Amino acid sequence: LKSPNQSSRGLREALKQYREALDPETRQLIKMGKMIKVLTIVSDGDVTDQAGCIEEIKQSRDMGIIVQGLGFGSSAQSIKVVCHDPADPDAAVIADDVREATLLRHKLLMKHLSKL
């Protein structure tokens, strides 16, 4: 899906706004391990501001937010780059079709929600 006037700068800004919108109580619950926040980025790739997006994702992960990337198609390799997490090899995946994407999303969610 493509929204008008979106770019990788839009992704970076959206990541920043997501992180900054969390209220102090939610941030504390995440840090204490009493709440899990999972942010899944779904994209066809084409992320030009990779460094900025990587920094925003790092800040979210440092807060305890689980950030996953689900890319579609051959241009989605940039999603694997920006969402890469050495501690979680499943943090960034590429799918070829909606069925595969649905299965991958389910797998990613179950991995983290099973810890509750």
Protein backbone atom coordinates (compact mmCIF):
# COMPACT_ATOMS: atom_id res chain seq x y z
CA LEU A 1 0.00 0.00 0.00
CA LYS A 2 1.33 3.42 -0.80
CA SER A 3 0.16 6.62 0.78
CA PRO A 4 0.49 9.86 -1.15
CA ASN A 5 3.41 12.10 -0.24
CA GLN A 6 5.15 9.41 1.80
CA SER A 7 8.88 8.76 1.68
CA SER A 8 11.50 7.34 3.95
CA ARG A 9 11.52 10.72 5.68
CA GLY A 10 7.87 9.97 6.42
CA LEU A 11 8.89 6.66 7.96
CA ARG A 12 11.50 8.32 10.13
CA GLU A 13 9.05 10.96 11.28
CA ALA A 14 6.34 8.35 11.94
CA LEU A 15 8.76 6.30 14.06
CA LYS A 16 9.69 9.39 16.05
CA GLN A 17 6.07 10.40 16.59
CA TYR A 18 5.15 6.87 17.70
CA ARG A 19 7.92 6.82 20.30
CA GLU A 20 7.26 10.34 21.55
CA ALA A 21 3.50 9.73 21.83
CA LEU A 22 3.94 7.13 24.57
CA ASP A 23 2.95 8.54 27.92
CA PRO A 24 5.29 8.22 30.93
CA GLU A 25 3.13 5.51 32.56
CA THR A 26 3.28 3.33 29.44
CA ARG A 27 7.04 3.86 29.15
CA GLN A 28 7.48 2.76 32.75
CA LEU A 29 5.32 -0.35 32.31
CA ILE A 30 7.36 -1.34 29.24
CA LYS A 31 10.64 -0.86 31.13
CA MET A 32 9.36 -2.95 34.04
CA GLY A 33 8.33 -5.73 31.66
CA LYS A 34 4.66 -5.42 32.61
CA MET A 35 3.64 -4.32 29.12
CA ILE A 36 4.79 -5.40 25.69
CA LYS A 37 4.65 -3.00 22.77
CA VAL A 38 5.21 -4.49 19.31
CA LEU A 39 5.62 -2.12 16.38
CA THR A 40 5.55 -3.78 12.97
CA ILE A 41 6.70 -1.77 9.99
CA VAL A 42 5.14 -3.03 6.77
CA SER A 43 6.71 -1.60 3.63
CA ASP A 44 7.74 -2.22 0.05
CA GLY A 45 11.16 -0.80 0.95
CA ASP A 46 12.69 2.18 -0.78
CA VAL A 47 14.00 3.65 2.47
CA THR A 48 16.51 6.32 1.51
CA ASP A 49 17.13 7.77 4.99
CA GLN A 50 18.26 4.47 6.41
CA ALA A 51 20.57 6.00 9.03
CA GLY A 52 17.78 8.17 10.45
CA CYS A 53 15.33 5.26 10.55
CA ILE A 54 17.91 2.98 12.17
CA GLU A 55 18.47 5.60 14.89
CA GLU A 56 14.73 5.99 15.54
CA ILE A 57 14.31 2.20 15.73
CA LYS A 58 17.29 1.95 18.08
CA GLN A 59 15.75 4.53 20.41
CA SER A 60 12.45 2.62 20.43
CA ARG A 61 14.21 -0.67 21.13
CA ASP A 62 16.23 0.98 23.91
CA MET A 63 12.88 1.85 25.51
CA GLY A 64 11.86 -1.80 25.34
CA ILE A 65 9.60 -1.59 22.29
CA ILE A 66 9.84 -4.59 19.98
CA VAL A 67 10.29 -3.31 16.43
CA GLN A 68 9.80 -5.68 13.52
CA GLY A 69 10.03 -5.10 9.80
CA LEU A 70 7.93 -6.89 7.22
CA GLY A 71 8.94 -6.08 3.67
CA PHE A 72 7.19 -6.91 0.40
CA GLY A 73 8.95 -7.63 -2.87
CA SER A 74 12.40 -7.17 -4.31
CA SER A 75 12.80 -3.54 -3.20
CA ALA A 76 12.15 -4.41 0.44
CA GLN A 77 15.75 -5.19 1.29
CA SER A 78 16.06 -1.74 2.87
CA ILE A 79 13.48 -2.81 5.47
CA LYS A 80 15.78 -5.69 6.40
CA VAL A 81 18.60 -3.17 6.81
CA VAL A 82 16.75 -0.65 8.99
CA CYS A 83 14.95 -3.26 11.12
CA HIS A 84 17.90 -5.61 11.55
CA ASP A 85 18.47 -6.69 15.14
CA PRO A 86 21.45 -8.96 15.89
CA ALA A 87 19.66 -10.18 19.02
CA ASP A 88 16.55 -11.20 17.04
CA PRO A 89 17.07 -12.78 13.60
CA ASP A 90 13.30 -12.65 12.99
CA ALA A 91 13.11 -8.88 13.47
CA ALA A 92 13.18 -8.22 9.73
CA VAL A 93 11.64 -10.50 7.11
CA ILE A 94 10.69 -10.28 3.45
CA ALA A 95 7.48 -11.74 2.01
CA ASP A 96 6.47 -12.30 -1.59
CA ASP A 97 2.70 -12.30 -1.13
CA VAL A 98 -0.06 -11.48 1.34
CA ARG A 99 -0.47 -15.09 2.51
CA GLU A 100 3.20 -15.38 3.39
CA ALA A 101 3.15 -11.96 5.06
CA THR A 102 0.18 -12.98 7.20
CA LEU A 103 1.93 -16.15 8.31
CA LEU A 104 5.15 -14.27 9.10
CA ARG A 105 3.30 -11.59 11.06
CA HIS A 106 1.53 -14.27 13.09
CA LYS A 107 4.84 -15.99 13.79
CA LEU A 108 6.48 -12.74 14.88
CA LEU A 109 3.61 -11.83 17.19
CA MET A 110 3.39 -15.28 18.77
CA LYS A 111 7.12 -15.28 19.47
CA HIS A 112 6.84 -12.22 21.69
CA LEU A 113 3.28 -12.52 23.01
CA SER A 114 3.92 -16.06 24.23
CA LYS A 115 6.18 -14.48 26.89
CA LEU A 116 3.17 -12.90 28.62
